[in-house]
Amino acid sequence: MTDNGFFTDTAWLDDFLANPDHDWGPGNPPLGGFNYGAALLWGSFLYERGGVELMTAITAEPTDGWARVDAVLAAVGDPSNAWGLYLEMIVATHLDDPELGYGFTSFDARVRGGRP
């Protein structure tokens, strides 16, 4: 959705950014605890990092949670880990300008050739 230019869920993202302190996504939230804004942010970040190849691999990976992302990163030759990428996403989100519509094109905050 984001890659195709249909970033229509700003309210969900704003909701998460205003109150990010809840268990979501890879954290295995309780029923009803999932935050779509968090998932939108994480998915958009991962897509920009690895494109279709990474997202396809994540979808096909049979494990769940952080282990899923770790397994996929290893499979595609990315030396990062899921937790490190999550922290990178949080820093990039904090530094991003909401006036730009959360355009994450400047997300690349990692050290080249190293782990975050």
PDB file of N, CA and C in Angstrom:
ATOM      1  N   MET A   1       0.833  -1.180   0.000  1.00  0.00           N
ATOM      2  CA  MET A   1       0.000   0.000   0.000  1.00  0.00           C
ATOM      3  C   MET A   1       0.886   1.255   0.000  1.00  0.00           C
ATOM      4  N   THR A   2       1.823   1.312   0.917  1.00  0.00           N
ATOM      5  CA  THR A   2       2.695   2.481   1.010  1.00  0.00           C
ATOM      6  C   THR A   2       3.529   2.645  -0.249  1.00  0.00           C
ATOM      7  N   ASP A   3       4.079   1.537  -0.739  1.00  0.00           N
ATOM      8  CA  ASP A   3       4.922   1.594  -1.925  1.00  0.00           C
ATOM      9  C   ASP A   3       4.158   2.063  -3.156  1.00  0.00           C
ATOM     10  N   ASN A   4       2.876   1.791  -3.190  1.00  0.00           N
ATOM     11  CA  ASN A   4       2.055   2.198  -4.330  1.00  0.00           C
ATOM     12  C   ASN A   4       1.486   3.607  -4.173  1.00  0.00           C
ATOM     13  N   GLY A   5       1.888   4.305  -3.151  1.00  0.00           N
ATOM     14  CA  GLY A   5       1.472   5.695  -2.984  1.00  0.00           C
ATOM     15  C   GLY A   5       0.135   5.889  -2.307  1.00  0.00           C
ATOM     16  N   PHE A   6      -0.396   4.838  -1.691  1.00  0.00           N
ATOM     17  CA  PHE A   6      -1.693   4.939  -1.024  1.00  0.00           C
ATOM     18  C   PHE A   6      -1.510   4.968   0.488  1.00  0.00           C
ATOM     19  N   PHE A   7      -0.812   5.967   0.971  1.00  0.00           N
ATOM     20  CA  PHE A   7      -0.597   6.101   2.405  1.00  0.00           C
ATOM     21  C   PHE A   7      -1.797   6.822   2.984  1.00  0.00           C
ATOM     22  N   THR A   8      -2.836   6.045   3.285  1.00  0.00           N
ATOM     23  CA  THR A   8      -4.110   6.625   3.693  1.00  0.00           C
ATOM     24  C   THR A   8      -4.409   6.439   5.173  1.00  0.00           C
ATOM     25  N   ASP A   9      -3.519   5.792   5.894  1.00  0.00           N
ATOM     26  CA  ASP A   9      -3.813   5.446   7.282  1.00  0.00           C
ATOM     27  C   ASP A   9      -3.027   6.281   8.280  1.00  0.00           C
ATOM     28  N   THR A  10      -2.941   7.562   8.013  1.00  0.00           N
ATOM     29  CA  THR A  10      -2.205   8.473   8.871  1.00  0.00           C
ATOM     30  C   THR A  10      -2.776   8.486  10.292  1.00  0.00           C
ATOM     31  N   ALA A  11      -4.080   8.372  10.426  1.00  0.00           N
ATOM     32  CA  ALA A  11      -4.686   8.389  11.769  1.00  0.00           C
ATOM     33  C   ALA A  11      -4.196   7.218  12.613  1.00  0.00           C
ATOM     34  N   TRP A  12      -4.086   6.044  12.004  1.00  0.00           N
ATOM     35  CA  TRP A  12      -3.575   4.874  12.735  1.00  0.00           C
ATOM     36  C   TRP A  12      -2.127   5.092  13.143  1.00  0.00           C
ATOM     37  N   LEU A  13      -1.323   5.609  12.243  1.00  0.00           N
ATOM     38  CA  LEU A  13       0.078   5.854  12.542  1.00  0.00           C
ATOM     39  C   LEU A  13       0.212   6.913  13.633  1.00  0.00           C
ATOM     40  N   ASP A  14      -0.550   7.989  13.527  1.00  0.00           N
ATOM     41  CA  ASP A  14      -0.519   9.028  14.548  1.00  0.00           C
ATOM     42  C   ASP A  14      -0.930   8.477  15.916  1.00  0.00           C
ATOM     43  N   ASP A  15      -1.918   7.565  15.930  1.00  0.00           N
ATOM     44  CA  ASP A  15      -2.366   6.940  17.168  1.00  0.00           C
ATOM     45  C   ASP A  15      -1.225   6.160  17.811  1.00  0.00           C
ATOM     46  N   PHE A  16      -0.517   5.387  17.015  1.00  0.00           N
ATOM     47  CA  PHE A  16       0.606   4.620  17.556  1.00  0.00           C
ATOM     48  C   PHE A  16       1.727   5.536  18.035  1.00  0.00           C
ATOM     49  N   LEU A  17       2.052   6.550  17.246  1.00  0.00           N
ATOM     50  CA  LEU A  17       3.151   7.443  17.614  1.00  0.00           C
ATOM     51  C   LEU A  17       2.834   8.253  18.867  1.00  0.00           C
ATOM     52  N   ALA A  18       1.554   8.529  19.093  1.00  0.00           N
ATOM     53  CA  ALA A  18       1.153   9.265  20.295  1.00  0.00           C
ATOM     54  C   ALA A  18       1.189   8.375  21.537  1.00  0.00           C
ATOM     55  N   ASN A  19       1.055   7.067  21.347  1.00  0.00           N
ATOM     56  CA  ASN A  19       1.036   6.126  22.466  1.00  0.00           C
ATOM     57  C   ASN A  19       1.722   4.825  22.034  1.00  0.00           C
ATOM     58  N   PRO A  20       3.048   4.840  21.872  1.00  0.00           N
ATOM     59  CA  PRO A  20       3.743   3.663  21.349  1.00  0.00           C
ATOM     60  C   PRO A  20       4.008   2.579  22.385  1.00  0.00           C
ATOM     61  N   ASP A  21       3.633   2.796  23.618  1.00  0.00           N
ATOM     62  CA  ASP A  21       3.972   1.853  24.679  1.00  0.00           C
ATOM     63  C   ASP A  21       2.932   0.748  24.829  1.00  0.00           C
ATOM     64  N   HIS A  22       2.819  -0.088  23.809  1.00  0.00           N
ATOM     65  CA  HIS A  22       2.009  -1.294  23.952  1.00  0.00           C
ATOM     66  C   HIS A  22       2.614  -2.416  23.129  1.00  0.00           C
ATOM     67  N   ASP A  23       2.306  -3.634  23.538  1.00  0.00           N
ATOM     68  CA  ASP A  23       2.823  -4.829  22.893  1.00  0.00           C
ATOM     69  C   ASP A  23       2.126  -5.003  21.548  1.00  0.00           C
ATOM     70  N   TRP A  24       2.871  -5.062  20.480  1.00  0.00           N
ATOM     71  CA  TRP A  24       2.279  -5.136  19.139  1.00  0.00           C
ATOM     72  C   TRP A  24       3.111  -6.051  18.263  1.00  0.00           C
ATOM     73  N   GLY A  25       2.548  -6.375  17.140  1.00  0.00           N
ATOM     74  CA  GLY A  25       3.263  -7.067  16.068  1.00  0.00           C
ATOM     75  C   GLY A  25       4.114  -8.210  16.538  1.00  0.00           C
ATOM     76  N   PRO A  26       5.438  -8.112  16.321  1.00  0.00           N
ATOM     77  CA  PRO A  26       6.308  -9.223  16.682  1.00  0.00           C
ATOM     78  C   PRO A  26       6.309  -9.547  18.170  1.00  0.00           C
ATOM     79  N   GLY A  27       5.817  -8.638  18.989  1.00  0.00           N
ATOM     80  CA  GLY A  27       5.778  -8.861  20.429  1.00  0.00           C
ATOM     81  C   GLY A  27       4.672  -9.791  20.884  1.00  0.00           C
ATOM     82  N   ASN A  28       3.898 -10.364  19.953  1.00  0.00           N
ATOM     83  CA  ASN A  28       2.813 -11.284  20.255  1.00  0.00           C
ATOM     84  C   ASN A  28       1.772 -10.647  21.177  1.00  0.00           C
ATOM     85  N   PRO A  29       1.066  -9.645  20.669  1.00  0.00           N
ATOM     86  CA  PRO A  29       0.095  -8.933  21.513  1.00  0.00           C
ATOM     87  C   PRO A  29      -1.100  -9.809  21.851  1.00  0.00           C
ATOM     88  N   PRO A  30      -1.781  -9.482  22.947  1.00  0.00           N
ATOM     89  CA  PRO A  30      -3.001 -10.205  23.278  1.00  0.00           C
ATOM     90  C   PRO A  30      -4.090  -9.891  22.245  1.00  0.00           C
ATOM     91  N   LEU A  31      -5.107 -10.714  22.205  1.00  0.00           N
ATOM     92  CA  LEU A  31      -6.220 -10.501  21.288  1.00  0.00           C
ATOM     93  C   LEU A  31      -6.761  -9.085  21.475  1.00  0.00           C
ATOM     94  N   GLY A  32      -6.863  -8.336  20.402  1.00  0.00           N
ATOM     95  CA  GLY A  32      -7.341  -6.967  20.458  1.00  0.00           C
ATOM     96  C   GLY A  32      -6.248  -5.959  20.757  1.00  0.00           C
ATOM     97  N   GLY A  33      -5.018  -6.420  20.987  1.00  0.00           N
ATOM     98  CA  GLY A  33      -3.932  -5.524  21.324  1.00  0.00           C
ATOM     99  C   GLY A  33      -3.082  -5.097  20.149  1.00  0.00           C
ATOM    100  N   PHE A  34      -3.400  -5.615  18.983  1.00  0.00           N
ATOM    101  CA  PHE A  34      -2.628  -5.295  17.783  1.00  0.00           C
ATOM    102  C   PHE A  34      -2.870  -3.845  17.374  1.00  0.00           C
ATOM    103  N   ASN A  35      -1.825  -3.127  17.035  1.00  0.00           N
ATOM    104  CA  ASN A  35      -1.962  -1.745  16.604  1.00  0.00           C
ATOM    105  C   ASN A  35      -1.626  -1.642  15.126  1.00  0.00           C
ATOM    106  N   TYR A  36      -2.589  -1.314  14.294  1.00  0.00           N
ATOM    107  CA  TYR A  36      -2.379  -1.248  12.852  1.00  0.00           C
ATOM    108  C   TYR A  36      -1.350  -0.191  12.476  1.00  0.00           C
ATOM    109  N   GLY A  37      -1.315   0.914  13.191  1.00  0.00           N
ATOM    110  CA  GLY A  37      -0.325   1.948  12.898  1.00  0.00           C
ATOM    111  C   GLY A  37       1.093   1.442  13.088  1.00  0.00           C
ATOM    112  N   ALA A  38       1.315   0.662  14.134  1.00  0.00           N
ATOM    113  CA  ALA A  38       2.634   0.076  14.372  1.00  0.00           C
ATOM    114  C   ALA A  38       2.994  -0.884  13.245  1.00  0.00           C
ATOM    115  N   ALA A  39       2.045  -1.706  12.850  1.00  0.00           N
ATOM    116  CA  ALA A  39       2.298  -2.662  11.767  1.00  0.00           C
ATOM    117  C   ALA A  39       2.556  -1.946  10.446  1.00  0.00           C
ATOM    118  N   LEU A  40       1.837  -0.874  10.206  1.00  0.00           N
ATOM    119  CA  LEU A  40       2.040  -0.093   8.991  1.00  0.00           C
ATOM    120  C   LEU A  40       3.447   0.502   8.976  1.00  0.00           C
ATOM    121  N   LEU A  41       3.865   1.030  10.097  1.00  0.00           N
ATOM    122  CA  LEU A  41       5.196   1.610  10.209  1.00  0.00           C
ATOM    123  C   LEU A  41       6.275   0.546   9.996  1.00  0.00           C
ATOM    124  N   TRP A  42       6.162  -0.583  10.694  1.00  0.00           N
ATOM    125  CA  TRP A  42       7.141  -1.666  10.615  1.00  0.00           C
ATOM    126  C   TRP A  42       7.183  -2.264   9.211  1.00  0.00           C
ATOM    127  N   GLY A  43       6.024  -2.515   8.633  1.00  0.00           N
ATOM    128  CA  GLY A  43       5.975  -3.080   7.281  1.00  0.00           C
ATOM    129  C   GLY A  43       6.548  -2.138   6.241  1.00  0.00           C
ATOM    130  N   SER A  44       6.240  -0.859   6.352  1.00  0.00           N
ATOM    131  CA  SER A  44       6.781   0.125   5.409  1.00  0.00           C
ATOM    132  C   SER A  44       8.296   0.204   5.535  1.00  0.00           C
ATOM    133  N   PHE A  45       8.778   0.168   6.767  1.00  0.00           N
ATOM    134  CA  PHE A  45      10.214   0.212   6.999  1.00  0.00           C
ATOM    135  C   PHE A  45      10.906  -1.011   6.399  1.00  0.00           C
ATOM    136  N   LEU A  46      10.359  -2.192   6.671  1.00  0.00           N
ATOM    137  CA  LEU A  46      10.962  -3.413   6.140  1.00  0.00           C
ATOM    138  C   LEU A  46      10.914  -3.445   4.618  1.00  0.00           C
ATOM    139  N   TYR A  47       9.823  -2.970   4.038  1.00  0.00           N
ATOM    140  CA  TYR A  47       9.729  -2.939   2.577  1.00  0.00           C
ATOM    141  C   TYR A  47      10.794  -2.019   1.986  1.00  0.00           C
ATOM    142  N   GLU A  48      10.961  -0.859   2.576  1.00  0.00           N
ATOM    143  CA  GLU A  48      11.977   0.050   2.050  1.00  0.00           C
ATOM    144  C   GLU A  48      13.377  -0.517   2.224  1.00  0.00           C
ATOM    145  N   ARG A  49      13.573  -1.308   3.243  1.00  0.00           N
ATOM    146  CA  ARG A  49      14.887  -1.903   3.480  1.00  0.00           C
ATOM    147  C   ARG A  49      15.196  -3.003   2.476  1.00  0.00           C
ATOM    148  N   GLY A  50      14.227  -3.889   2.214  1.00  0.00           N
ATOM    149  CA  GLY A  50      14.529  -5.066   1.402  1.00  0.00           C
ATOM    150  C   GLY A  50      13.621  -5.318   0.227  1.00  0.00           C
ATOM    151  N   GLY A  51      12.639  -4.444   0.023  1.00  0.00           N
ATOM    152  CA  GLY A  51      11.762  -4.569  -1.138  1.00  0.00           C
ATOM    153  C   GLY A  51      10.963  -5.856  -1.163  1.00  0.00           C
ATOM    154  N   VAL A  52      10.585  -6.228  -2.366  1.00  0.00           N
ATOM    155  CA  VAL A  52       9.741  -7.406  -2.578  1.00  0.00           C
ATOM    156  C   VAL A  52      10.427  -8.674  -2.083  1.00  0.00           C
ATOM    157  N   GLU A  53      11.739  -8.780  -2.300  1.00  0.00           N
ATOM    158  CA  GLU A  53      12.463  -9.986  -1.886  1.00  0.00           C
ATOM    159  C   GLU A  53      12.323 -10.230  -0.380  1.00  0.00           C
ATOM    160  N   LEU A  54      12.543  -9.203   0.408  1.00  0.00           N
ATOM    161  CA  LEU A  54      12.445  -9.356   1.854  1.00  0.00           C
ATOM    162  C   LEU A  54      11.012  -9.629   2.288  1.00  0.00           C
ATOM    163  N   MET A  55      10.049  -8.898   1.748  1.00  0.00           N
ATOM    164  CA  MET A  55       8.657  -9.086   2.160  1.00  0.00           C
ATOM    165  C   MET A  55       8.122 -10.459   1.762  1.00  0.00           C
ATOM    166  N   THR A  56       8.518 -10.945   0.591  1.00  0.00           N
ATOM    167  CA  THR A  56       8.118 -12.285   0.152  1.00  0.00           C
ATOM    168  C   THR A  56       8.702 -13.334   1.083  1.00  0.00           C
ATOM    169  N   ALA A  57       9.964 -13.172   1.441  1.00  0.00           N
ATOM    170  CA  ALA A  57      10.611 -14.122   2.341  1.00  0.00           C
ATOM    171  C   ALA A  57       9.961 -14.105   3.726  1.00  0.00           C
ATOM    172  N   ILE A  58       9.599 -12.928   4.223  1.00  0.00           N
ATOM    173  CA  ILE A  58       8.929 -12.837   5.527  1.00  0.00           C
ATOM    174  C   ILE A  58       7.588 -13.554   5.484  1.00  0.00           C
ATOM    175  N   THR A  59       6.858 -13.379   4.405  1.00  0.00           N
ATOM    176  CA  THR A  59       5.549 -14.015   4.270  1.00  0.00           C
ATOM    177  C   THR A  59       5.672 -15.537   4.223  1.00  0.00           C
ATOM    178  N   ALA A  60       6.728 -16.033   3.587  1.00  0.00           N
ATOM    179  CA  ALA A  60       6.905 -17.480   3.424  1.00  0.00           C
ATOM    180  C   ALA A  60       7.522 -18.159   4.646  1.00  0.00           C
ATOM    181  N   GLU A  61       8.172 -17.413   5.504  1.00  0.00           N
ATOM    182  CA  GLU A  61       8.869 -17.993   6.667  1.00  0.00           C
ATOM    183  C   GLU A  61       7.860 -18.567   7.661  1.00  0.00           C
ATOM    184  N   PRO A  62       8.020 -19.847   8.057  1.00  0.00           N
ATOM    185  CA  PRO A  62       7.028 -20.483   8.932  1.00  0.00           C
ATOM    186  C   PRO A  62       7.094 -20.078  10.406  1.00  0.00           C
ATOM    187  N   THR A  63       8.199 -19.501  10.871  1.00  0.00           N
ATOM    188  CA  THR A  63       8.263 -19.115  12.277  1.00  0.00           C
ATOM    189  C   THR A  63       7.507 -17.797  12.477  1.00  0.00           C
ATOM    190  N   ASP A  64       7.347 -17.404  13.719  1.00  0.00           N
ATOM    191  CA  ASP A  64       6.613 -16.184  14.044  1.00  0.00           C
ATOM    192  C   ASP A  64       7.494 -15.215  14.817  1.00  0.00           C
ATOM    193  N   GLY A  65       6.998 -14.003  14.945  1.00  0.00           N
ATOM    194  CA  GLY A  65       7.623 -13.000  15.789  1.00  0.00           C
ATOM    195  C   GLY A  65       9.001 -12.572  15.323  1.00  0.00           C
ATOM    196  N   TRP A  66       9.823 -12.202  16.302  1.00  0.00           N
ATOM    197  CA  TRP A  66      11.163 -11.709  16.001  1.00  0.00           C
ATOM    198  C   TRP A  66      12.002 -12.785  15.319  1.00  0.00           C
ATOM    199  N   ALA A  67      11.781 -14.055  15.701  1.00  0.00           N
ATOM    200  CA  ALA A  67      12.536 -15.163  15.101  1.00  0.00           C
ATOM    201  C   ALA A  67      12.294 -15.224  13.591  1.00  0.00           C
ATOM    202  N   ARG A  68      11.092 -14.910  13.167  1.00  0.00           N
ATOM    203  CA  ARG A  68      10.780 -14.904  11.737  1.00  0.00           C
ATOM    204  C   ARG A  68      11.643 -13.893  11.005  1.00  0.00           C
ATOM    205  N   VAL A  69      11.685 -12.682  11.503  1.00  0.00           N
ATOM    206  CA  VAL A  69      12.465 -11.632  10.837  1.00  0.00           C
ATOM    207  C   VAL A  69      13.956 -11.968  10.895  1.00  0.00           C
ATOM    208  N   ASP A  70      14.427 -12.485  12.031  1.00  0.00           N
ATOM    209  CA  ASP A  70      15.833 -12.884  12.130  1.00  0.00           C
ATOM    210  C   ASP A  70      16.179 -13.957  11.097  1.00  0.00           C
ATOM    211  N   ALA A  71      15.315 -14.960  10.960  1.00  0.00           N
ATOM    212  CA  ALA A  71      15.566 -16.047  10.004  1.00  0.00           C
ATOM    213  C   ALA A  71      15.607 -15.521   8.574  1.00  0.00           C
ATOM    214  N   VAL A  72      14.700 -14.632   8.248  1.00  0.00           N
ATOM    215  CA  VAL A  72      14.633 -14.088   6.890  1.00  0.00           C
ATOM    216  C   VAL A  72      15.838 -13.199   6.598  1.00  0.00           C
ATOM    217  N   LEU A  73      16.225 -12.371   7.549  1.00  0.00           N
ATOM    218  CA  LEU A  73      17.398 -11.526   7.338  1.00  0.00           C
ATOM    219  C   LEU A  73      18.628 -12.382   7.062  1.00  0.00           C
ATOM    220  N   ALA A  74      18.782 -13.460   7.823  1.00  0.00           N
ATOM    221  CA  ALA A  74      19.915 -14.365   7.600  1.00  0.00           C
ATOM    222  C   ALA A  74      19.815 -15.009   6.219  1.00  0.00           C
ATOM    223  N   ALA A  75      18.609 -15.403   5.825  1.00  0.00           N
ATOM    224  CA  ALA A  75      18.418 -16.071   4.528  1.00  0.00           C
ATOM    225  C   ALA A  75      18.719 -15.162   3.340  1.00  0.00           C
ATOM    226  N   VAL A  76      18.458 -13.863   3.478  1.00  0.00           N
ATOM    227  CA  VAL A  76      18.724 -12.948   2.363  1.00  0.00           C
ATOM    228  C   VAL A  76      20.101 -12.298   2.472  1.00  0.00           C
ATOM    229  N   GLY A  77      20.894 -12.731   3.472  1.00  0.00           N
ATOM    230  CA  GLY A  77      22.255 -12.228   3.599  1.00  0.00           C
ATOM    231  C   GLY A  77      22.392 -10.875   4.257  1.00  0.00           C
ATOM    232  N   ASP A  78      21.374 -10.463   5.010  1.00  0.00           N
ATOM    233  CA  ASP A  78      21.437  -9.187   5.726  1.00  0.00           C
ATOM    234  C   ASP A  78      22.021  -9.467   7.114  1.00  0.00           C
ATOM    235  N   PRO A  79      23.113  -8.809   7.491  1.00  0.00           N
ATOM    236  CA  PRO A  79      23.754  -9.097   8.774  1.00  0.00           C
ATOM    237  C   PRO A  79      23.017  -8.530   9.996  1.00  0.00           C
ATOM    238  N   SER A  80      21.938  -7.808   9.788  1.00  0.00           N
ATOM    239  CA  SER A  80      21.191  -7.206  10.896  1.00  0.00           C
ATOM    240  C   SER A  80      20.336  -8.250  11.601  1.00  0.00           C
ATOM    241  N   ASN A  81      19.763  -7.848  12.727  1.00  0.00           N
ATOM    242  CA  ASN A  81      18.772  -8.686  13.391  1.00  0.00           C
ATOM    243  C   ASN A  81      17.492  -7.881  13.562  1.00  0.00           C
ATOM    244  N   ALA A  82      16.405  -8.557  13.878  1.00  0.00           N
ATOM    245  CA  ALA A  82      15.095  -7.908  13.954  1.00  0.00           C
ATOM    246  C   ALA A  82      15.068  -6.800  15.001  1.00  0.00           C
ATOM    247  N   TRP A  83      15.619  -7.053  16.167  1.00  0.00           N
ATOM    248  CA  TRP A  83      15.588  -6.054  17.222  1.00  0.00           C
ATOM    249  C   TRP A  83      16.385  -4.816  16.818  1.00  0.00           C
ATOM    250  N   GLY A  84      17.534  -5.013  16.202  1.00  0.00           N
ATOM    251  CA  GLY A  84      18.341  -3.895  15.731  1.00  0.00           C
ATOM    252  C   GLY A  84      17.608  -3.075  14.689  1.00  0.00           C
ATOM    253  N   LEU A  85      16.905  -3.751  13.779  1.00  0.00           N
ATOM    254  CA  LEU A  85      16.127  -3.035  12.766  1.00  0.00           C
ATOM    255  C   LEU A  85      14.975  -2.267  13.398  1.00  0.00           C
ATOM    256  N   TYR A  86      14.358  -2.871  14.404  1.00  0.00           N
ATOM    257  CA  TYR A  86      13.269  -2.189  15.093  1.00  0.00           C
ATOM    258  C   TYR A  86      13.780  -0.894  15.743  1.00  0.00           C
ATOM    259  N   LEU A  87      14.917  -0.978  16.404  1.00  0.00           N
ATOM    260  CA  LEU A  87      15.487   0.210  17.027  1.00  0.00           C
ATOM    261  C   LEU A  87      15.865   1.257  15.982  1.00  0.00           C
ATOM    262  N   GLU A  88      16.392   0.800  14.856  1.00  0.00           N
ATOM    263  CA  GLU A  88      16.709   1.718  13.754  1.00  0.00           C
ATOM    264  C   GLU A  88      15.444   2.410  13.257  1.00  0.00           C
ATOM    265  N   MET A  89      14.363   1.650  13.140  1.00  0.00           N
ATOM    266  CA  MET A  89      13.097   2.220  12.690  1.00  0.00           C
ATOM    267  C   MET A  89      12.606   3.293  13.663  1.00  0.00           C
ATOM    268  N   ILE A  90      12.722   3.016  14.968  1.00  0.00           N
ATOM    269  CA  ILE A  90      12.251   3.972  15.967  1.00  0.00           C
ATOM    270  C   ILE A  90      13.051   5.269  15.885  1.00  0.00           C
ATOM    271  N   VAL A  91      14.362   5.171  15.762  1.00  0.00           N
ATOM    272  CA  VAL A  91      15.194   6.370  15.656  1.00  0.00           C
ATOM    273  C   VAL A  91      14.845   7.129  14.379  1.00  0.00           C
ATOM    274  N   ALA A  92      14.727   6.413  13.261  1.00  0.00           N
ATOM    275  CA  ALA A  92      14.407   7.069  11.998  1.00  0.00           C
ATOM    276  C   ALA A  92      13.033   7.726  12.053  1.00  0.00           C
ATOM    277  N   THR A  93      12.080   7.089  12.707  1.00  0.00           N
ATOM    278  CA  THR A  93      10.745   7.671  12.836  1.00  0.00           C
ATOM    279  C   THR A  93      10.800   8.939  13.675  1.00  0.00           C
ATOM    280  N   HIS A  94      11.552   8.889  14.739  1.00  0.00           N
ATOM    281  CA  HIS A  94      11.681  10.072  15.600  1.00  0.00           C
ATOM    282  C   HIS A  94      12.325  11.234  14.837  1.00  0.00           C
ATOM    283  N   LEU A  95      13.293  10.927  13.992  1.00  0.00           N
ATOM    284  CA  LEU A  95      14.002  11.969  13.268  1.00  0.00           C
ATOM    285  C   LEU A  95      13.281  12.420  12.005  1.00  0.00           C
ATOM    286  N   ASP A  96      12.299  11.612  11.544  1.00  0.00           N
ATOM    287  CA  ASP A  96      11.585  11.942  10.318  1.00  0.00           C
ATOM    288  C   ASP A  96      10.653  13.135  10.548  1.00  0.00           C
ATOM    289  N   ASP A  97      10.348  13.823   9.494  1.00  0.00           N
ATOM    290  CA  ASP A  97       9.499  15.006   9.558  1.00  0.00           C
ATOM    291  C   ASP A  97       8.062  14.643   9.201  1.00  0.00           C
ATOM    292  N   PRO A  98       7.133  14.663  10.167  1.00  0.00           N
ATOM    293  CA  PRO A  98       5.740  14.316   9.871  1.00  0.00           C
ATOM    294  C   PRO A  98       5.125  15.180   8.785  1.00  0.00           C
ATOM    295  N   GLU A  99       5.653  16.389   8.592  1.00  0.00           N
ATOM    296  CA  GLU A  99       5.135  17.269   7.543  1.00  0.00           C
ATOM    297  C   GLU A  99       5.335  16.659   6.155  1.00  0.00           C
ATOM    298  N   LEU A 100       6.249  15.724   6.047  1.00  0.00           N
ATOM    299  CA  LEU A 100       6.507  15.070   4.760  1.00  0.00           C
ATOM    300  C   LEU A 100       5.610  13.852   4.553  1.00  0.00           C
ATOM    301  N   GLY A 101       4.685  13.601   5.448  1.00  0.00           N
ATOM    302  CA  GLY A 101       3.794  12.456   5.302  1.00  0.00           C
ATOM    303  C   GLY A 101       4.476  11.153   5.638  1.00  0.00           C
ATOM    304  N   TYR A 102       5.416  11.189   6.555  1.00  0.00           N
ATOM    305  CA  TYR A 102       6.164  10.006   6.955  1.00  0.00           C
ATOM    306  C   TYR A 102       6.805   9.326   5.750  1.00  0.00           C
ATOM    307  N   GLY A 103       7.430  10.095   4.906  1.00  0.00           N
ATOM    308  CA  GLY A 103       8.137   9.549   3.756  1.00  0.00           C
ATOM    309  C   GLY A 103       9.462   8.975   4.206  1.00  0.00           C
ATOM    310  N   PHE A 104       9.537   7.690   4.351  1.00  0.00           N
ATOM    311  CA  PHE A 104      10.684   7.045   4.960  1.00  0.00           C
ATOM    312  C   PHE A 104      11.842   6.827   4.002  1.00  0.00           C
ATOM    313  N   THR A 105      11.978   7.656   2.999  1.00  0.00           N
ATOM    314  CA  THR A 105      13.055   7.470   2.047  1.00  0.00           C
ATOM    315  C   THR A 105      14.417   7.760   2.650  1.00  0.00           C
ATOM    316  N   SER A 106      14.486   8.389   3.801  1.00  0.00           N
ATOM    317  CA  SER A 106      15.770   8.681   4.431  1.00  0.00           C
ATOM    318  C   SER A 106      16.025   7.771   5.633  1.00  0.00           C
ATOM    319  N   PHE A 107      15.478   6.562   5.618  1.00  0.00           N
ATOM    320  CA  PHE A 107      15.578   5.656   6.754  1.00  0.00           C
ATOM    321  C   PHE A 107      16.961   5.058   6.971  1.00  0.00           C
ATOM    322  N   ASP A 108      17.831   5.098   6.004  1.00  0.00           N
ATOM    323  CA  ASP A 108      19.076   4.362   6.078  1.00  0.00           C
ATOM    324  C   ASP A 108      20.010   4.960   7.119  1.00  0.00           C
ATOM    325  N   ALA A 109      19.797   4.593   8.393  1.00  0.00           N
ATOM    326  CA  ALA A 109      20.604   5.133   9.475  1.00  0.00           C
ATOM    327  C   ALA A 109      21.626   4.115   9.974  1.00  0.00           C
ATOM    328  N   ARG A 110      21.703   2.947   9.347  1.00  0.00           N
ATOM    329  CA  ARG A 110      22.609   1.912   9.827  1.00  0.00           C
ATOM    330  C   ARG A 110      24.058   2.186   9.363  1.00  0.00           C
ATOM    331  N   VAL A 111      24.965   1.567  10.040  1.00  0.00           N
ATOM    332  CA  VAL A 111      26.377   1.672   9.681  1.00  0.00           C
ATOM    333  C   VAL A 111      26.621   0.727   8.519  1.00  0.00           C
ATOM    334  N   ARG A 112      27.191   1.211   7.462  1.00  0.00           N
ATOM    335  CA  ARG A 112      27.448   0.374   6.290  1.00  0.00           C
ATOM    336  C   ARG A 112      28.369  -0.774   6.650  1.00  0.00           C
ATOM    337  N   GLY A 113      27.955  -1.971   6.268  1.00  0.00           N
ATOM    338  CA  GLY A 113      28.772  -3.160   6.475  1.00  0.00           C
ATOM    339  C   GLY A 113      28.776  -3.680   7.894  1.00  0.00           C
ATOM    340  N   GLY A 114      28.017  -3.068   8.771  1.00  0.00           N
ATOM    341  CA  GLY A 114      28.011  -3.502  10.164  1.00  0.00           C
ATOM    342  C   GLY A 114      26.615  -3.711  10.680  1.00  0.00           C
ATOM    343  N   ARG A 115      26.540  -4.109  11.900  1.00  0.00           N
ATOM    344  CA  ARG A 115      25.236  -4.325  12.544  1.00  0.00           C
ATOM    345  C   ARG A 115      24.786  -3.015  13.172  1.00  0.00           C
ATOM    346  N   PRO A 116      23.459  -2.795  13.224  1.00  0.00           N
ATOM    347  CA  PRO A 116      22.970  -1.574  13.862  1.00  0.00           C
ATOM    348  C   PRO A 116      23.315  -1.574  15.338  1.00  0.00           C
TER     349      PRO A 116
END
